[in-house]
Amino acid sequence: MKLLTGVINALMGREWQDDIDVSAHALPRSFLAIALYVPLGLVVASAVVHYNDNTATPPYQTVAITLGLIGLAFPLIAYILCMLFNKTAGFRPWVIVRNWAIFFALAAVAAIAGLYLAGLVPFALVYFMGFGLYLGTLAIDIRLAWRIAGFDWIGAVFAGILISAATMMILSQGVNQSIG
């Protein structure tokens, strides 16, 4: 719960440092969030396949690889941006908070997808939550680049757009692999 509170506080502009460990030991632990993206993404993929009345098995391997690549692309981009713009002090907290922020957002979508698979909510709710996550990651990335990494507003917008563009390219390749 402290992690979720810290993420919400960071995104809302409140004090978050007491709730999230940003020590050197916390950085590798934050990659657990990326590992957890995969099962959450598989729940969402199952809901999409189910909605389309497709009896095929969801492309689990493609989803897992795509989500892993998306999760690992961010730290690489963040590192390059921090080096280029002399923001290295913000790298570790930025990566830690962002890894967990995206995990919690994806967990919310997966929870709704699970409710859909159980027949408790309509697919439209899954769709809108997923679309909201897709658009919301840009806002999350801009906010965290500004608030955590210390970029000015224009730099944060640039960082957010770059991260979103990389995510879209990886996602596009994943979709092409699963339908091609």
Protein backbone atom coordinates (compact mmCIF):
# COMPACT_ATOMS: atom_id res chain seq x y z
CA MET A 1 0.00 0.00 0.00
CA LYS A 2 2.89 2.37 0.68
CA LEU A 3 4.06 2.00 -2.91
CA LEU A 4 0.61 2.83 -4.29
CA THR A 5 0.31 5.80 -1.95
CA GLY A 6 3.76 7.00 -2.98
CA VAL A 7 2.96 6.70 -6.68
CA ILE A 8 -0.31 8.58 -6.26
CA ASN A 9 1.44 11.27 -4.22
CA ALA A 10 4.19 11.63 -6.83
CA LEU A 11 1.65 12.01 -9.61
CA MET A 12 -0.45 14.45 -7.57
CA GLY A 13 2.50 16.66 -6.70
CA ARG A 14 2.58 15.79 -3.03
CA GLU A 15 5.43 14.44 -0.91
CA TRP A 16 6.13 10.86 -1.95
CA GLN A 17 9.67 10.16 -0.73
CA ASP A 18 8.56 8.61 2.57
CA ASP A 19 6.45 6.03 0.78
CA ILE A 20 8.83 4.80 -1.93
CA ASP A 21 12.32 3.45 -1.36
CA VAL A 22 14.64 4.96 -3.96
CA SER A 23 17.85 3.44 -2.67
CA ALA A 24 20.28 1.56 -4.87
CA HIS A 25 18.75 -1.73 -3.64
CA ALA A 26 15.27 -0.59 -4.64
CA LEU A 27 16.14 -0.12 -8.32
CA PRO A 28 16.51 -3.83 -9.16
CA ARG A 29 13.45 -4.60 -7.02
CA SER A 30 11.41 -2.15 -9.08
CA PHE A 31 12.03 -4.37 -12.10
CA LEU A 32 9.75 -6.87 -10.38
CA ALA A 33 6.98 -4.52 -11.50
CA ILE A 34 8.03 -5.09 -15.11
CA ALA A 35 7.97 -8.85 -14.56
CA LEU A 36 4.45 -8.47 -13.18
CA TYR A 37 3.35 -6.59 -16.32
CA VAL A 38 3.35 -9.90 -18.16
CA PRO A 39 0.64 -11.82 -16.25
CA LEU A 40 -1.47 -8.67 -16.09
CA GLY A 41 -1.12 -8.18 -19.84
CA LEU A 42 -2.06 -11.80 -20.43
CA VAL A 43 -5.34 -11.27 -18.56
CA VAL A 44 -6.09 -8.27 -20.76
CA ALA A 45 -5.15 -10.20 -23.92
CA SER A 46 -7.44 -13.05 -22.86
CA ALA A 47 -10.31 -10.59 -22.42
CA VAL A 48 -9.74 -9.15 -25.90
CA VAL A 49 -9.65 -12.59 -27.51
CA HIS A 50 -12.76 -13.62 -25.57
CA TYR A 51 -14.61 -10.47 -26.63
CA ASN A 52 -13.86 -11.15 -30.28
CA ASP A 53 -15.41 -14.62 -29.90
CA ASN A 54 -12.16 -16.00 -31.08
CA THR A 55 -11.59 -19.57 -30.04
CA ALA A 56 -7.88 -19.18 -30.71
CA THR A 57 -5.43 -19.07 -27.86
CA PRO A 58 -4.25 -15.54 -27.08
CA PRO A 59 -0.71 -14.90 -28.36
CA TYR A 60 0.79 -15.31 -24.89
CA GLN A 61 4.41 -15.43 -26.01
CA THR A 62 4.09 -12.31 -28.17
CA VAL A 63 2.30 -10.44 -25.38
CA ALA A 64 4.97 -11.44 -22.85
CA ILE A 65 7.84 -10.40 -25.11
CA THR A 66 6.15 -7.13 -26.10
CA LEU A 67 5.40 -6.14 -22.51
CA GLY A 68 8.91 -7.07 -21.43
CA LEU A 69 10.43 -4.95 -24.19
CA ILE A 70 8.15 -2.02 -23.38
CA GLY A 71 9.09 -2.26 -19.71
CA LEU A 72 12.81 -2.42 -20.46
CA ALA A 73 12.78 0.32 -23.10
CA PHE A 74 11.85 2.95 -20.54
CA PRO A 75 14.96 2.65 -18.32
CA LEU A 76 17.16 2.74 -21.40
CA ILE A 77 15.49 5.90 -22.70
CA ALA A 78 15.48 7.43 -19.22
CA TYR A 79 19.20 6.74 -18.83
CA ILE A 80 20.04 8.34 -22.16
CA LEU A 81 17.88 11.39 -21.41
CA CYS A 82 19.35 11.78 -17.93
CA MET A 83 22.88 11.60 -19.33
CA LEU A 84 22.16 14.05 -22.17
CA PHE A 85 20.43 16.61 -19.98
CA ASN A 86 22.61 16.18 -16.88
CA LYS A 87 19.78 14.79 -14.73
CA THR A 88 21.60 11.68 -13.50
CA ALA A 89 20.57 12.29 -9.89
CA GLY A 90 16.94 11.81 -10.95
CA PHE A 91 17.47 8.61 -12.92
CA ARG A 92 17.06 6.04 -10.15
CA PRO A 93 13.98 7.59 -8.48
CA TRP A 94 12.38 8.22 -11.87
CA VAL A 95 12.78 4.60 -12.96
CA ILE A 96 11.60 3.21 -9.63
CA VAL A 97 8.49 5.37 -9.41
CA ARG A 98 7.64 4.94 -13.09
CA ASN A 99 7.98 1.15 -12.99
CA TRP A 100 5.51 0.97 -10.13
CA ALA A 101 3.17 3.62 -11.57
CA ILE A 102 2.73 1.68 -14.80
CA PHE A 103 2.31 -1.56 -12.83
CA PHE A 104 -0.56 -0.10 -10.79
CA ALA A 105 -2.23 1.35 -13.90
CA LEU A 106 -1.96 -1.98 -15.73
CA ALA A 107 -3.21 -3.81 -12.63
CA ALA A 108 -6.38 -1.68 -12.68
CA VAL A 109 -7.01 -2.57 -16.34
CA ALA A 110 -6.29 -6.26 -15.68
CA ALA A 111 -8.71 -6.24 -12.73
CA ILE A 112 -11.48 -4.91 -14.97
CA ALA A 113 -10.52 -7.44 -17.66
CA GLY A 114 -10.79 -10.20 -15.05
CA LEU A 115 -14.24 -8.96 -14.07
CA TYR A 116 -15.21 -9.04 -17.75
CA LEU A 117 -13.93 -12.61 -18.11
CA ALA A 118 -16.03 -13.53 -15.07
CA GLY A 119 -19.09 -12.01 -16.77
CA LEU A 120 -19.49 -9.20 -14.25
CA VAL A 121 -18.83 -6.11 -16.40
CA PRO A 122 -19.19 -5.32 -20.11
CA PHE A 123 -16.17 -5.29 -22.42
CA ALA A 124 -16.69 -1.58 -23.04
CA LEU A 125 -15.34 -0.95 -19.56
CA VAL A 126 -12.20 -2.95 -20.38
CA TYR A 127 -11.83 -1.04 -23.63
CA PHE A 128 -12.14 2.39 -22.01
CA MET A 129 -9.82 1.48 -19.16
CA GLY A 130 -7.25 0.14 -21.63
CA PHE A 131 -7.56 3.21 -23.81
CA GLY A 132 -7.25 5.39 -20.73
CA LEU A 133 -4.07 3.56 -19.73
CA TYR A 134 -2.70 3.98 -23.23
CA LEU A 135 -3.30 7.74 -23.17
CA GLY A 136 -2.56 8.04 -19.47
CA THR A 137 0.98 6.72 -19.81
CA LEU A 138 1.92 9.88 -21.70
CA ALA A 139 0.60 12.00 -18.84
CA ILE A 140 2.32 9.75 -16.29
CA ASP A 141 5.62 9.98 -18.15
CA ILE A 142 5.45 13.77 -18.49
CA ARG A 143 4.51 14.24 -14.85
CA LEU A 144 7.22 11.94 -13.51
CA ALA A 145 9.93 13.35 -15.81
CA TRP A 146 9.06 16.79 -14.51
CA ARG A 147 8.42 15.96 -10.87
CA ILE A 148 10.89 13.14 -10.19
CA ALA A 149 13.70 13.46 -12.75
CA GLY A 150 13.81 17.25 -12.57
CA PHE A 151 13.25 18.10 -16.23
CA ASP A 152 11.72 21.49 -17.02
CA TRP A 153 8.26 21.43 -18.58
CA ILE A 154 9.45 21.31 -22.21
CA GLY A 155 12.04 18.65 -21.38
CA ALA A 156 9.41 16.59 -19.57
CA VAL A 157 7.04 16.80 -22.54
CA PHE A 158 9.89 15.78 -24.86
CA ALA A 159 10.74 12.84 -22.58
CA GLY A 160 7.10 11.75 -22.38
CA ILE A 161 6.66 11.89 -26.14
CA LEU A 162 9.89 10.00 -26.75
CA ILE A 163 8.90 7.29 -24.28
CA SER A 164 5.40 7.03 -25.77
CA ALA A 165 6.79 6.85 -29.31
CA ALA A 166 9.13 4.02 -28.33
CA THR A 167 6.26 2.22 -26.62
CA MET A 168 4.07 2.59 -29.70
CA MET A 169 6.81 1.22 -31.96
CA ILE A 170 7.31 -1.83 -29.75
CA LEU A 171 3.56 -2.34 -29.40
CA SER A 172 3.13 -2.05 -33.17
CA GLN A 173 5.76 -4.72 -33.74
CA GLY A 174 4.06 -6.98 -31.20
CA VAL A 175 0.70 -6.59 -32.89
CA ASN A 176 2.27 -7.24 -36.30
CA GLN A 177 3.86 -10.42 -34.95
CA SER A 178 0.59 -11.70 -33.52
CA ILE A 179 -1.50 -11.08 -36.65
CA GLY A 180 1.19 -11.61 -39.27
